[in-house]
PDB file of N, CA and C in Angstrom:
ATOM      1  N   MET A   1     130.217-131.306  11.139  1.00  0.00           N
ATOM      2  CA  MET A   1     129.498-131.934  10.036  1.00  0.00           C
ATOM      3  C   MET A   1     128.425-132.865  10.596  1.00  0.00           C
ATOM      4  N   GLU A   2     127.221-132.689  10.135  1.00  0.00           N
ATOM      5  CA  GLU A   2     126.123-133.536  10.594  1.00  0.00           C
ATOM      6  C   GLU A   2     126.211-134.903   9.920  1.00  0.00           C
ATOM      7  N   LYS A   3     126.105-135.942  10.724  1.00  0.00           N
ATOM      8  CA  LYS A   3     126.165-137.306  10.198  1.00  0.00           C
ATOM      9  C   LYS A   3     124.827-137.657   9.557  1.00  0.00           C
ATOM     10  N   ASN A   4     124.880-138.501   8.563  1.00  0.00           N
ATOM     11  CA  ASN A   4     123.680-138.948   7.875  1.00  0.00           C
ATOM     12  C   ASN A   4     122.833-139.793   8.822  1.00  0.00           C
ATOM     13  N   ARG A   5     121.590-139.404   9.030  1.00  0.00           N
ATOM     14  CA  ARG A   5     120.699-140.129   9.943  1.00  0.00           C
ATOM     15  C   ARG A   5     120.524-141.583   9.551  1.00  0.00           C
ATOM     16  N   GLY A   6     120.392-141.820   8.259  1.00  0.00           N
ATOM     17  CA  GLY A   6     120.201-143.188   7.783  1.00  0.00           C
ATOM     18  C   GLY A   6     121.370-144.084   8.131  1.00  0.00           C
ATOM     19  N   VAL A   7     122.577-143.550   8.015  1.00  0.00           N
ATOM     20  CA  VAL A   7     123.774-144.329   8.343  1.00  0.00           C
ATOM     21  C   VAL A   7     123.795-144.649   9.830  1.00  0.00           C
ATOM     22  N   ILE A   8     123.487-143.671  10.655  1.00  0.00           N
ATOM     23  CA  ILE A   8     123.472-143.891  12.104  1.00  0.00           C
ATOM     24  C   ILE A   8     122.435-144.951  12.462  1.00  0.00           C
ATOM     25  N   ARG A   9     121.272-144.884  11.854  1.00  0.00           N
ATOM     26  CA  ARG A   9     120.220-145.869  12.127  1.00  0.00           C
ATOM     27  C   ARG A   9     120.656-147.262  11.704  1.00  0.00           C
ATOM     28  N   GLU A  10     121.305-147.364  10.548  1.00  0.00           N
ATOM     29  CA  GLU A  10     121.800-148.668  10.085  1.00  0.00           C
ATOM     30  C   GLU A  10     122.843-149.213  11.053  1.00  0.00           C
ATOM     31  N   LEU A  11     123.718-148.348  11.542  1.00  0.00           N
ATOM     32  CA  LEU A  11     124.728-148.780  12.504  1.00  0.00           C
ATOM     33  C   LEU A  11     124.076-149.253  13.803  1.00  0.00           C
ATOM     34  N   LEU A  12     123.061-148.531  14.258  1.00  0.00           N
ATOM     35  CA  LEU A  12     122.346-148.950  15.469  1.00  0.00           C
ATOM     36  C   LEU A  12     121.661-150.296  15.259  1.00  0.00           C
ATOM     37  N   LYS A  13     121.057-150.486  14.098  1.00  0.00           N
ATOM     38  CA  LYS A  13     120.405-151.764  13.796  1.00  0.00           C
ATOM     39  C   LYS A  13     121.431-152.889  13.764  1.00  0.00           C
ATOM     40  N   TYR A  14     122.575-152.639  13.169  1.00  0.00           N
ATOM     41  CA  TYR A  14     123.652-153.628  13.101  1.00  0.00           C
ATOM     42  C   TYR A  14     124.099-154.020  14.513  1.00  0.00           C
ATOM     43  N   GLU A  15     124.306-153.029  15.354  1.00  0.00           N
ATOM     44  CA  GLU A  15     124.707-153.298  16.741  1.00  0.00           C
ATOM     45  C   GLU A  15     123.624-154.098  17.466  1.00  0.00           C
ATOM     46  N   TYR A  16     122.367-153.744  17.230  1.00  0.00           N
ATOM     47  CA  TYR A  16     121.246-154.465  17.845  1.00  0.00           C
ATOM     48  C   TYR A  16     121.240-155.920  17.396  1.00  0.00           C
ATOM     49  N   GLU A  17     121.410-156.134  16.094  1.00  0.00           N
ATOM     50  CA  GLU A  17     121.390-157.498  15.559  1.00  0.00           C
ATOM     51  C   GLU A  17     122.571-158.329  16.048  1.00  0.00           C
ATOM     52  N   LEU A  18     123.666-157.676  16.410  1.00  0.00           N
ATOM     53  CA  LEU A  18     124.810-158.390  16.986  1.00  0.00           C
ATOM     54  C   LEU A  18     124.566-158.754  18.449  1.00  0.00           C
ATOM     55  N   GLY A  19     123.493-158.213  19.016  1.00  0.00           N
ATOM     56  CA  GLY A  19     123.168-158.508  20.408  1.00  0.00           C
ATOM     57  C   GLY A  19     123.845-157.581  21.398  1.00  0.00           C
ATOM     58  N   HIS A  20     124.386-156.473  20.898  1.00  0.00           N
ATOM     59  CA  HIS A  20     125.045-155.518  21.785  1.00  0.00           C
ATOM     60  C   HIS A  20     124.012-154.677  22.522  1.00  0.00           C
ATOM     61  N   SER A  21     124.358-154.289  23.733  1.00  0.00           N
ATOM     62  CA  SER A  21     123.484-153.414  24.510  1.00  0.00           C
ATOM     63  C   SER A  21     123.505-152.014  23.902  1.00  0.00           C
ATOM     64  N   VAL A  22     122.574-151.191  24.345  1.00  0.00           N
ATOM     65  CA  VAL A  22     122.531-149.813  23.858  1.00  0.00           C
ATOM     66  C   VAL A  22     123.838-149.105  24.206  1.00  0.00           C
ATOM     67  N   LYS A  23     124.298-149.314  25.419  1.00  0.00           N
ATOM     68  CA  LYS A  23     125.541-148.677  25.861  1.00  0.00           C
ATOM     69  C   LYS A  23     126.714-149.099  24.979  1.00  0.00           C
ATOM     70  N   GLU A  24     126.802-150.383  24.684  1.00  0.00           N
ATOM     71  CA  GLU A  24     127.875-150.876  23.812  1.00  0.00           C
ATOM     72  C   GLU A  24     127.762-150.270  22.412  1.00  0.00           C
ATOM     73  N   ALA A  25     126.532-150.180  21.913  1.00  0.00           N
ATOM     74  CA  ALA A  25     126.311-149.615  20.578  1.00  0.00           C
ATOM     75  C   ALA A  25     126.785-148.167  20.515  1.00  0.00           C
ATOM     76  N   ILE A  26     126.414-147.393  21.511  1.00  0.00           N
ATOM     77  CA  ILE A  26     126.825-145.986  21.557  1.00  0.00           C
ATOM     78  C   ILE A  26     128.346-145.879  21.576  1.00  0.00           C
ATOM     79  N   GLU A  27     128.972-146.665  22.436  1.00  0.00           N
ATOM     80  CA  GLU A  27     130.436-146.629  22.543  1.00  0.00           C
ATOM     81  C   GLU A  27     131.096-147.041  21.233  1.00  0.00           C
ATOM     82  N   ASN A  28     130.612-148.114  20.628  1.00  0.00           N
ATOM     83  CA  ASN A  28     131.207-148.611  19.382  1.00  0.00           C
ATOM     84  C   ASN A  28     131.079-147.603  18.245  1.00  0.00           C
ATOM     85  N   ILE A  29     129.879-147.057  18.082  1.00  0.00           N
ATOM     86  CA  ILE A  29     129.639-146.117  16.984  1.00  0.00           C
ATOM     87  C   ILE A  29     130.438-144.833  17.189  1.00  0.00           C
ATOM     88  N   ASN A  30     130.421-144.313  18.396  1.00  0.00           N
ATOM     89  CA  ASN A  30     131.153-143.075  18.658  1.00  0.00           C
ATOM     90  C   ASN A  30     132.664-143.275  18.567  1.00  0.00           C
ATOM     91  N   ARG A  31     133.144-144.453  18.921  1.00  0.00           N
ATOM     92  CA  ARG A  31     134.573-144.736  18.786  1.00  0.00           C
ATOM     93  C   ARG A  31     134.958-144.827  17.305  1.00  0.00           C
ATOM     94  N   ALA A  32     134.105-145.459  16.507  1.00  0.00           N
ATOM     95  CA  ALA A  32     134.408-145.654  15.087  1.00  0.00           C
ATOM     96  C   ALA A  32     134.189-144.394  14.250  1.00  0.00           C
ATOM     97  N   LYS A  33     133.146-143.643  14.548  1.00  0.00           N
ATOM     98  CA  LYS A  33     132.745-142.514  13.697  1.00  0.00           C
ATOM     99  C   LYS A  33     133.003-141.141  14.305  1.00  0.00           C
ATOM    100  N   GLY A  34     133.437-141.108  15.540  1.00  0.00           N
ATOM    101  CA  GLY A  34     133.730-139.829  16.182  1.00  0.00           C
ATOM    102  C   GLY A  34     132.792-139.554  17.339  1.00  0.00           C
ATOM    103  N   ALA A  35     133.352-138.947  18.369  1.00  0.00           N
ATOM    104  CA  ALA A  35     132.579-138.633  19.572  1.00  0.00           C
ATOM    105  C   ALA A  35     131.354-137.802  19.213  1.00  0.00           C
ATOM    106  N   GLY A  36     130.229-138.168  19.794  1.00  0.00           N
ATOM    107  CA  GLY A  36     128.999-137.421  19.574  1.00  0.00           C
ATOM    108  C   GLY A  36     128.238-137.788  18.318  1.00  0.00           C
ATOM    109  N   THR A  37     128.688-138.820  17.621  1.00  0.00           N
ATOM    110  CA  THR A  37     127.988-139.221  16.395  1.00  0.00           C
ATOM    111  C   THR A  37     126.571-139.673  16.705  1.00  0.00           C
ATOM    112  N   VAL A  38     126.424-140.483  17.729  1.00  0.00           N
ATOM    113  CA  VAL A  38     125.088-140.946  18.108  1.00  0.00           C
ATOM    114  C   VAL A  38     124.830-140.530  19.553  1.00  0.00           C
ATOM    115  N   ALA A  39     123.683-139.906  19.763  1.00  0.00           N
ATOM    116  CA  ALA A  39     123.288-139.468  21.098  1.00  0.00           C
ATOM    117  C   ALA A  39     122.629-140.617  21.848  1.00  0.00           C
ATOM    118  N   GLN A  40     122.756-140.590  23.148  1.00  0.00           N
ATOM    119  CA  GLN A  40     122.178-141.635  23.984  1.00  0.00           C
ATOM    120  C   GLN A  40     120.672-141.739  23.757  1.00  0.00           C
ATOM    121  N   ARG A  41     119.989-140.617  23.732  1.00  0.00           N
ATOM    122  CA  ARG A  41     118.532-140.618  23.546  1.00  0.00           C
ATOM    123  C   ARG A  41     118.147-141.265  22.216  1.00  0.00           C
ATOM    124  N   THR A  42     118.870-140.922  21.154  1.00  0.00           N
ATOM    125  CA  THR A  42     118.603-141.495  19.832  1.00  0.00           C
ATOM    126  C   THR A  42     118.761-143.003  19.862  1.00  0.00           C
ATOM    127  N   ALA A  43     119.844-143.457  20.457  1.00  0.00           N
ATOM    128  CA  ALA A  43     120.115-144.895  20.513  1.00  0.00           C
ATOM    129  C   ALA A  43     119.015-145.629  21.276  1.00  0.00           C
ATOM    130  N   TYR A  44     118.600-145.096  22.415  1.00  0.00           N
ATOM    131  CA  TYR A  44     117.552-145.754  23.198  1.00  0.00           C
ATOM    132  C   TYR A  44     116.222-145.774  22.448  1.00  0.00           C
ATOM    133  N   GLU A  45     115.900-144.694  21.747  1.00  0.00           N
ATOM    134  CA  GLU A  45     114.647-144.664  20.980  1.00  0.00           C
ATOM    135  C   GLU A  45     114.648-145.728  19.888  1.00  0.00           C
ATOM    136  N   TRP A  46     115.765-145.857  19.156  1.00  0.00           N
ATOM    137  CA  TRP A  46     115.825-146.842  18.087  1.00  0.00           C
ATOM    138  C   TRP A  46     115.865-148.263  18.625  1.00  0.00           C
ATOM    139  N   TYR A  47     116.572-148.494  19.704  1.00  0.00           N
ATOM    140  CA  TYR A  47     116.586-149.832  20.302  1.00  0.00           C
ATOM    141  C   TYR A  47     115.182-150.222  20.753  1.00  0.00           C
ATOM    142  N   SER A  48     114.434-149.270  21.286  1.00  0.00           N
ATOM    143  CA  SER A  48     113.060-149.536  21.703  1.00  0.00           C
ATOM    144  C   SER A  48     112.211-149.971  20.511  1.00  0.00           C
ATOM    145  N   LYS A  49     112.381-149.313  19.367  1.00  0.00           N
ATOM    146  CA  LYS A  49     111.649-149.700  18.159  1.00  0.00           C
ATOM    147  C   LYS A  49     112.046-151.096  17.707  1.00  0.00           C
ATOM    148  N   PHE A  50     113.347-151.365  17.714  1.00  0.00           N
ATOM    149  CA  PHE A  50     113.828-152.678  17.283  1.00  0.00           C
ATOM    150  C   PHE A  50     113.292-153.778  18.202  1.00  0.00           C
ATOM    151  N   GLU A  51     113.297-153.520  19.498  1.00  0.00           N
ATOM    152  CA  GLU A  51     112.822-154.519  20.459  1.00  0.00           C
ATOM    153  C   GLU A  51     111.330-154.788  20.317  1.00  0.00           C
ATOM    154  N   SER A  52     110.577-153.821  19.791  1.00  0.00           N
ATOM    155  CA  SER A  52     109.137-154.017  19.590  1.00  0.00           C
ATOM    156  C   SER A  52     108.847-154.763  18.290  1.00  0.00           C
ATOM    157  N   GLY A  53     109.913-155.099  17.550  1.00  0.00           N
ATOM    158  CA  GLY A  53     109.737-155.847  16.311  1.00  0.00           C
ATOM    159  C   GLY A  53     109.812-155.008  15.052  1.00  0.00           C
ATOM    160  N   ASN A  54     109.894-153.704  15.209  1.00  0.00           N
ATOM    161  CA  ASN A  54     109.990-152.798  14.062  1.00  0.00           C
ATOM    162  C   ASN A  54     111.467-152.616  13.709  1.00  0.00           C
ATOM    163  N   LEU A  55     111.919-153.333  12.680  1.00  0.00           N
ATOM    164  CA  LEU A  55     113.334-153.283  12.310  1.00  0.00           C
ATOM    165  C   LEU A  55     113.625-152.357  11.134  1.00  0.00           C
ATOM    166  N   THR A  56     112.639-151.584  10.719  1.00  0.00           N
ATOM    167  CA  THR A  56     112.878-150.633   9.638  1.00  0.00           C
ATOM    168  C   THR A  56     113.619-149.419  10.189  1.00  0.00           C
ATOM    169  N   VAL A  57     114.472-148.838   9.371  1.00  0.00           N
ATOM    170  CA  VAL A  57     115.211-147.652   9.804  1.00  0.00           C
ATOM    171  C   VAL A  57     114.722-146.393   9.087  1.00  0.00           C
ATOM    172  N   GLU A  58     113.625-146.524   8.363  1.00  0.00           N
ATOM    173  CA  GLU A  58     113.046-145.390   7.638  1.00  0.00           C
ATOM    174  C   GLU A  58     112.137-144.591   8.565  1.00  0.00           C
ATOM    175  N   ASP A  59     111.987-143.306   8.267  1.00  0.00           N
ATOM    176  CA  ASP A  59     111.043-142.470   9.001  1.00  0.00           C
ATOM    177  C   ASP A  59     109.626-142.914   8.692  1.00  0.00           C
ATOM    178  N   ASN A  60     108.751-142.834   9.670  1.00  0.00           N
ATOM    179  CA  ASN A  60     107.334-143.065   9.421  1.00  0.00           C
ATOM    180  C   ASN A  60     106.779-141.851   8.692  1.00  0.00           C
ATOM    181  N   SER A  61     105.833-142.093   7.794  1.00  0.00           N
ATOM    182  CA  SER A  61     105.220-140.955   7.111  1.00  0.00           C
ATOM    183  C   SER A  61     104.370-140.190   8.112  1.00  0.00           C
ATOM    184  N   ARG A  62     104.305-138.905   7.922  1.00  0.00           N
ATOM    185  CA  ARG A  62     103.518-138.075   8.828  1.00  0.00           C
ATOM    186  C   ARG A  62     103.043-136.843   8.089  1.00  0.00           C
ATOM    187  N   SER A  63     102.025-136.218   8.647  1.00  0.00           N
ATOM    188  CA  SER A  63     101.489-135.022   8.009  1.00  0.00           C
ATOM    189  C   SER A  63     102.382-133.833   8.339  1.00  0.00           C
ATOM    190  N   GLY A  64     102.138-132.764   7.661  1.00  0.00           N
ATOM    191  CA  GLY A  64     102.921-131.561   7.920  1.00  0.00           C
ATOM    192  C   GLY A  64     103.740-131.162   6.721  1.00  0.00           C
ATOM    193  N   ARG A  65     104.634-130.261   6.957  1.00  0.00           N
ATOM    194  CA  ARG A  65     105.467-129.727   5.888  1.00  0.00           C
ATOM    195  C   ARG A  65     106.389-130.811   5.333  1.00  0.00           C
ATOM    196  N   PRO A  66     106.454-130.937   4.016  1.00  0.00           N
ATOM    197  CA  PRO A  66     107.344-131.948   3.431  1.00  0.00           C
ATOM    198  C   PRO A  66     108.806-131.586   3.670  1.00  0.00           C
ATOM    199  N   ARG A  67     109.664-132.600   3.737  1.00  0.00           N
ATOM    200  CA  ARG A  67     111.087-132.366   3.957  1.00  0.00           C
ATOM    201  C   ARG A  67     111.739-131.741   2.738  1.00  0.00           C
ATOM    202  N   GLU A  68     111.204-132.014   1.567  1.00  0.00           N
ATOM    203  CA  GLU A  68     111.774-131.460   0.349  1.00  0.00           C
ATOM    204  C   GLU A  68     110.799-130.456  -0.248  1.00  0.00           C
ATOM    205  N   VAL A  69     111.333-129.444  -0.852  1.00  0.00           N
ATOM    206  CA  VAL A  69     110.519-128.381  -1.424  1.00  0.00           C
ATOM    207  C   VAL A  69     110.486-128.535  -2.938  1.00  0.00           C
ATOM    208  N   ASP A  70     109.296-128.378  -3.499  1.00  0.00           N
ATOM    209  CA  ASP A  70     109.148-128.354  -4.953  1.00  0.00           C
ATOM    210  C   ASP A  70     109.408-126.915  -5.383  1.00  0.00           C
ATOM    211  N   ARG A  71     110.645-126.640  -5.748  1.00  0.00           N
ATOM    212  CA  ARG A  71     111.052-125.267  -6.067  1.00  0.00           C
ATOM    213  C   ARG A  71     110.240-124.663  -7.209  1.00  0.00           C
ATOM    214  N   GLU A  72     109.926-125.462  -8.200  1.00  0.00           N
ATOM    215  CA  GLU A  72     109.161-124.951  -9.340  1.00  0.00           C
ATOM    216  C   GLU A  72     107.770-124.504  -8.892  1.00  0.00           C
ATOM    217  N   ALA A  73     107.142-125.279  -8.027  1.00  0.00           N
ATOM    218  CA  ALA A  73     105.815-124.912  -7.529  1.00  0.00           C
ATOM    219  C   ALA A  73     105.886-123.619  -6.717  1.00  0.00           C
ATOM    220  N   VAL A  74     106.931-123.466  -5.929  1.00  0.00           N
ATOM    221  CA  VAL A  74     107.093-122.245  -5.133  1.00  0.00           C
ATOM    222  C   VAL A  74     107.289-121.040  -6.053  1.00  0.00           C
ATOM    223  N   LEU A  75     108.157-121.187  -7.046  1.00  0.00           N
ATOM    224  CA  LEU A  75     108.387-120.083  -7.987  1.00  0.00           C
ATOM    225  C   LEU A  75     107.119-119.696  -8.728  1.00  0.00           C
ATOM    226  N   ASN A  76     106.347-120.683  -9.159  1.00  0.00           N
ATOM    227  CA  ASN A  76     105.087-120.399  -9.849  1.00  0.00           C
ATOM    228  C   ASN A  76     104.108-119.676  -8.934  1.00  0.00           C
ATOM    229  N   ALA A  77     104.043-120.085  -7.681  1.00  0.00           N
ATOM    230  CA  ALA A  77     103.142-119.437  -6.729  1.00  0.00           C
ATOM    231  C   ALA A  77     103.556-117.988  -6.496  1.00  0.00           C
ATOM    232  N   VAL A  78     104.855-117.755  -6.389  1.00  0.00           N
ATOM    233  CA  VAL A  78     105.349-116.386  -6.193  1.00  0.00           C
ATOM    234  C   VAL A  78     105.047-115.536  -7.422  1.00  0.00           C
ATOM    235  N   LYS A  79     105.280-116.093  -8.607  1.00  0.00           N
ATOM    236  CA  LYS A  79     104.988-115.353  -9.845  1.00  0.00           C
ATOM    237  C   LYS A  79     103.506-115.008  -9.934  1.00  0.00           C
ATOM    238  N   ASP A  80     102.643-115.978  -9.602  1.00  0.00           N
ATOM    239  CA  ASP A  80     101.199-115.739  -9.635  1.00  0.00           C
ATOM    240  C   ASP A  80     100.808-114.651  -8.636  1.00  0.00           C
ATOM    241  N   ALA A  81     101.358-114.719  -7.441  1.00  0.00           N
ATOM    242  CA  ALA A  81     101.047-113.724  -6.418  1.00  0.00           C
ATOM    243  C   ALA A  81     101.556-112.352  -6.842  1.00  0.00           C
ATOM    244  N   PHE A  82     102.722-112.307  -7.440  1.00  0.00           N
ATOM    245  CA  PHE A  82     103.298-111.047  -7.898  1.00  0.00           C
ATOM    246  C   PHE A  82     102.443-110.437  -9.001  1.00  0.00           C
ATOM    247  N   THR A  83     101.965-111.279  -9.910  1.00  0.00           N
ATOM    248  CA  THR A  83     101.109-110.813 -11.003  1.00  0.00           C
ATOM    249  C   THR A  83      99.818-110.222 -10.452  1.00  0.00           C
ATOM    250  N   ILE A  84      99.230-110.870  -9.472  1.00  0.00           N
ATOM    251  CA  ILE A  84      97.995-110.373  -8.855  1.00  0.00           C
ATOM    252  C   ILE A  84      98.266-109.056  -8.140  1.00  0.00           C
ATOM    253  N   PHE A  85      99.391-108.959  -7.463  1.00  0.00           N
ATOM    254  CA  PHE A  85      99.749-107.760  -6.715  1.00  0.00           C
ATOM    255  C   PHE A  85      99.958-106.563  -7.641  1.00  0.00           C
ATOM    256  N   ILE A  86     100.591-106.798  -8.794  1.00  0.00           N
ATOM    257  CA  ILE A  86     100.875-105.736  -9.762  1.00  0.00           C
ATOM    258  C   ILE A  86      99.597-105.274 -10.455  1.00  0.00           C
ATOM    259  N   SER A  87      98.659-106.178 -10.707  1.00  0.00           N
ATOM    260  CA  SER A  87      97.447-105.859 -11.478  1.00  0.00           C
ATOM    261  C   SER A  87      96.553-104.889 -10.796  1.00  0.00           C
TER     262      SER A  87
END
């Protein structure tokens, strides 16, 4: 089961605010939530952000494909394309 990214980030932030090292944070989270819950690379990346003063745990906005799909828009596009193809 994939763990919720937001929860992992909040746990990392909590560990950071307690003054725990990255290693301690990884050990604590994996002990509490199960082995492999947080990867070493993930923990170091988030600690680096926190140390730079960025304490938000949200993803930065970026261009590209949206994470969520507007199903109605997709269905309408398919219907329109199908209508053109049939005509």
